[in-house]
Amino acid sequence: MIKNKVLLFGILADAIGQPFIEVEEAKDTDALRRQLVVAYPALNMYPYVIAHNKKVINANQSIAQGDELALLPPFAGG
């Protein structure tokens, strides 16, 4: 079975207890979000955006094998 590796940063990594997770292959980012809700309920307590191949996305995008995926919490600057 093919899996997607999803990198986690900041409080998201703390909530799960590791810097990345592997999920069943998702055809798009909406499917990925649905998987995360079920498999990692702790993530539902925090806002985050998905970065797909190092670009933050705001709409559903297709995921191909080998794509880089990351969950990013809100960033505060100063």
N, C-alpha and C. Protein backbone atom coordinates (compact mmCIF):
# COMPACT_ATOMS: atom_id res chain seq x y z
N MET A 1 0.84 -1.18 0.00
CA MET A 1 0.00 0.00 0.00
C MET A 1 0.89 1.25 0.00
N ILE A 2 0.56 2.19 -0.85
CA ILE A 2 1.31 3.43 -0.94
C ILE A 2 0.83 4.37 0.15
N LYS A 3 1.78 5.04 0.78
CA LYS A 3 1.44 6.00 1.84
C LYS A 3 2.06 7.35 1.50
N ASN A 4 1.42 8.40 2.03
CA ASN A 4 1.96 9.74 1.91
C ASN A 4 2.60 10.11 3.24
N LYS A 5 3.79 10.68 3.19
CA LYS A 5 4.44 11.20 4.38
C LYS A 5 4.02 12.65 4.54
N VAL A 6 3.59 13.01 5.73
CA VAL A 6 3.14 14.37 6.02
C VAL A 6 3.99 14.91 7.16
N LEU A 7 4.73 15.98 6.90
CA LEU A 7 5.56 16.62 7.91
C LEU A 7 4.70 17.46 8.84
N LEU A 8 5.04 17.49 10.12
CA LEU A 8 4.31 18.28 11.11
C LEU A 8 5.27 19.27 11.75
N PHE A 9 4.78 20.47 12.03
CA PHE A 9 5.62 21.50 12.63
C PHE A 9 4.96 22.09 13.86
N GLY A 10 5.79 22.62 14.76
CA GLY A 10 5.31 23.34 15.93
C GLY A 10 4.39 22.53 16.81
N ILE A 11 3.30 23.16 17.22
CA ILE A 11 2.36 22.55 18.15
C ILE A 11 1.70 21.30 17.57
N LEU A 12 1.65 21.21 16.25
CA LEU A 12 1.06 20.03 15.61
C LEU A 12 1.94 18.80 15.85
N ALA A 13 3.24 18.97 15.72
CA ALA A 13 4.17 17.87 16.01
C ALA A 13 4.10 17.50 17.49
N ASP A 14 3.97 18.51 18.35
CA ASP A 14 3.86 18.25 19.79
C ASP A 14 2.59 17.47 20.10
N ALA A 15 1.47 17.82 19.44
CA ALA A 15 0.19 17.16 19.71
C ALA A 15 0.22 15.68 19.33
N ILE A 16 0.94 15.36 18.26
CA ILE A 16 1.01 13.98 17.80
C ILE A 16 2.20 13.24 18.42
N GLY A 17 3.22 13.99 18.82
CA GLY A 17 4.38 13.38 19.46
C GLY A 17 5.45 12.91 18.50
N GLN A 18 5.39 13.40 17.27
CA GLN A 18 6.41 13.05 16.28
C GLN A 18 6.43 14.09 15.16
N PRO A 19 7.54 14.19 14.43
CA PRO A 19 7.66 15.24 13.41
C PRO A 19 7.01 14.91 12.06
N PHE A 20 6.53 13.68 11.89
CA PHE A 20 5.84 13.34 10.65
C PHE A 20 4.90 12.18 10.90
N ILE A 21 3.94 12.01 10.00
CA ILE A 21 3.03 10.88 10.04
C ILE A 21 2.93 10.30 8.63
N GLU A 22 2.49 9.07 8.55
CA GLU A 22 2.24 8.47 7.25
C GLU A 22 0.76 8.11 7.19
N VAL A 23 0.13 8.50 6.10
CA VAL A 23 -1.30 8.23 5.91
C VAL A 23 -1.47 7.49 4.60
N GLU A 24 -2.60 6.78 4.49
CA GLU A 24 -2.89 6.10 3.23
C GLU A 24 -2.90 7.12 2.11
N GLU A 25 -2.50 6.67 0.95
CA GLU A 25 -2.41 7.56 -0.20
C GLU A 25 -3.73 8.31 -0.38
N ALA A 26 -3.63 9.62 -0.44
CA ALA A 26 -4.80 10.47 -0.65
C ALA A 26 -4.73 11.03 -2.06
N LYS A 27 -5.87 11.05 -2.75
CA LYS A 27 -5.87 11.55 -4.13
C LYS A 27 -5.79 13.06 -4.20
N ASP A 28 -6.24 13.74 -3.12
CA ASP A 28 -6.17 15.21 -3.10
C ASP A 28 -6.13 15.69 -1.65
N THR A 29 -5.96 16.99 -1.48
CA THR A 29 -5.79 17.53 -0.14
C THR A 29 -7.09 17.48 0.67
N ASP A 30 -8.24 17.52 0.04
CA ASP A 30 -9.50 17.35 0.78
C ASP A 30 -9.58 15.95 1.37
N ALA A 31 -9.19 14.93 0.60
CA ALA A 31 -9.17 13.55 1.09
C ALA A 31 -8.16 13.42 2.24
N LEU A 32 -7.04 14.10 2.13
CA LEU A 32 -6.03 14.07 3.18
C LEU A 32 -6.62 14.63 4.48
N ARG A 33 -7.31 15.76 4.39
CA ARG A 33 -7.93 16.36 5.59
C ARG A 33 -8.93 15.38 6.22
N ARG A 34 -9.73 14.72 5.41
CA ARG A 34 -10.71 13.76 5.94
C ARG A 34 -10.00 12.62 6.68
N GLN A 35 -8.90 12.14 6.12
CA GLN A 35 -8.13 11.07 6.78
C GLN A 35 -7.56 11.54 8.11
N LEU A 36 -7.04 12.76 8.13
CA LEU A 36 -6.42 13.28 9.34
C LEU A 36 -7.43 13.43 10.48
N VAL A 37 -8.65 13.85 10.15
CA VAL A 37 -9.70 14.03 11.16
C VAL A 37 -9.96 12.71 11.89
N VAL A 38 -9.97 11.63 11.15
CA VAL A 38 -10.26 10.31 11.73
C VAL A 38 -9.04 9.72 12.43
N ALA A 39 -7.90 9.74 11.77
CA ALA A 39 -6.71 9.06 12.28
C ALA A 39 -6.01 9.81 13.41
N TYR A 40 -6.08 11.13 13.40
CA TYR A 40 -5.36 11.94 14.39
C TYR A 40 -6.28 13.02 14.95
N PRO A 41 -7.24 12.64 15.79
CA PRO A 41 -8.21 13.61 16.31
C PRO A 41 -7.57 14.77 17.07
N ALA A 42 -6.38 14.59 17.62
CA ALA A 42 -5.71 15.68 18.34
C ALA A 42 -5.43 16.87 17.42
N LEU A 43 -5.27 16.62 16.13
CA LEU A 43 -5.02 17.72 15.19
C LEU A 43 -6.22 18.64 15.04
N ASN A 44 -7.42 18.13 15.34
CA ASN A 44 -8.63 18.92 15.19
C ASN A 44 -8.70 20.07 16.19
N MET A 45 -7.88 20.04 17.21
CA MET A 45 -7.90 21.09 18.23
C MET A 45 -7.09 22.32 17.80
N TYR A 46 -6.37 22.23 16.69
CA TYR A 46 -5.48 23.31 16.29
C TYR A 46 -5.74 23.74 14.85
N PRO A 47 -5.66 25.04 14.59
CA PRO A 47 -5.76 25.47 13.20
C PRO A 47 -4.45 25.17 12.47
N TYR A 48 -4.55 24.86 11.20
CA TYR A 48 -3.35 24.63 10.40
C TYR A 48 -3.68 24.80 8.92
N VAL A 49 -2.63 24.99 8.15
CA VAL A 49 -2.76 25.02 6.70
C VAL A 49 -1.90 23.89 6.15
N ILE A 50 -2.20 23.49 4.93
CA ILE A 50 -1.41 22.45 4.26
C ILE A 50 -0.46 23.11 3.27
N ALA A 51 0.79 22.68 3.32
CA ALA A 51 1.76 23.08 2.31
C ALA A 51 1.96 21.88 1.39
N HIS A 52 1.82 22.12 0.10
CA HIS A 52 1.95 21.08 -0.91
C HIS A 52 3.13 21.45 -1.79
N ASN A 53 4.17 20.64 -1.75
CA ASN A 53 5.41 20.93 -2.48
C ASN A 53 5.93 22.33 -2.16
N LYS A 54 5.97 22.61 -0.85
CA LYS A 54 6.55 23.83 -0.27
C LYS A 54 5.75 25.09 -0.56
N LYS A 55 4.49 24.96 -0.98
CA LYS A 55 3.64 26.13 -1.19
C LYS A 55 2.37 25.95 -0.38
N VAL A 56 2.04 26.97 0.41
CA VAL A 56 0.79 26.93 1.18
C VAL A 56 -0.37 27.00 0.20
N ILE A 57 -1.32 26.11 0.39
CA ILE A 57 -2.47 26.07 -0.52
C ILE A 57 -3.74 26.49 0.21
N ASN A 58 -4.67 27.04 -0.54
CA ASN A 58 -5.94 27.47 0.02
C ASN A 58 -7.12 26.76 -0.62
N ALA A 59 -6.86 25.91 -1.59
CA ALA A 59 -7.92 25.19 -2.30
C ALA A 59 -7.47 23.74 -2.48
N ASN A 60 -8.41 22.88 -2.78
CA ASN A 60 -8.11 21.47 -2.99
C ASN A 60 -7.13 21.30 -4.15
N GLN A 61 -6.14 20.41 -3.95
CA GLN A 61 -5.17 20.11 -5.01
C GLN A 61 -4.94 18.61 -5.06
N SER A 62 -4.68 18.11 -6.26
CA SER A 62 -4.34 16.70 -6.44
C SER A 62 -3.00 16.41 -5.80
N ILE A 63 -2.85 15.20 -5.29
CA ILE A 63 -1.60 14.75 -4.69
C ILE A 63 -1.06 13.60 -5.51
N ALA A 64 0.19 13.70 -5.92
CA ALA A 64 0.86 12.63 -6.65
C ALA A 64 1.87 11.95 -5.74
N GLN A 65 2.20 10.72 -6.06
CA GLN A 65 3.20 9.99 -5.28
C GLN A 65 4.49 10.80 -5.27
N GLY A 66 5.08 10.94 -4.10
CA GLY A 66 6.34 11.66 -3.98
C GLY A 66 6.18 13.14 -3.68
N ASP A 67 4.95 13.66 -3.70
CA ASP A 67 4.74 15.06 -3.36
C ASP A 67 5.09 15.30 -1.91
N GLU A 68 5.59 16.50 -1.61
CA GLU A 68 5.91 16.86 -0.23
C GLU A 68 4.69 17.52 0.40
N LEU A 69 4.27 17.00 1.53
CA LEU A 69 3.11 17.54 2.25
C LEU A 69 3.53 17.93 3.66
N ALA A 70 3.00 19.04 4.14
CA ALA A 70 3.31 19.49 5.49
C ALA A 70 2.10 20.19 6.08
N LEU A 71 1.94 20.04 7.38
CA LEU A 71 0.91 20.76 8.13
C LEU A 71 1.60 21.85 8.91
N LEU A 72 1.14 23.09 8.73
CA LEU A 72 1.77 24.24 9.34
C LEU A 72 0.78 24.96 10.27
N PRO A 73 1.18 25.17 11.52
CA PRO A 73 0.33 25.93 12.43
C PRO A 73 0.44 27.41 12.09
N PRO A 74 -0.43 28.25 12.65
CA PRO A 74 -0.29 29.69 12.41
C PRO A 74 1.07 30.17 12.93
N PHE A 75 1.65 31.10 12.22
CA PHE A 75 2.94 31.65 12.63
C PHE A 75 2.73 33.04 13.21
N ALA A 76 3.47 33.34 14.25
CA ALA A 76 3.45 34.68 14.84
C ALA A 76 4.80 35.31 14.54
N GLY A 77 4.79 36.54 14.14
CA GLY A 77 6.04 37.22 13.82
C GLY A 77 6.32 38.32 14.80
N GLY A 78 7.49 38.84 14.68
CA GLY A 78 7.82 39.92 15.60
C GLY A 78 9.07 40.63 15.19
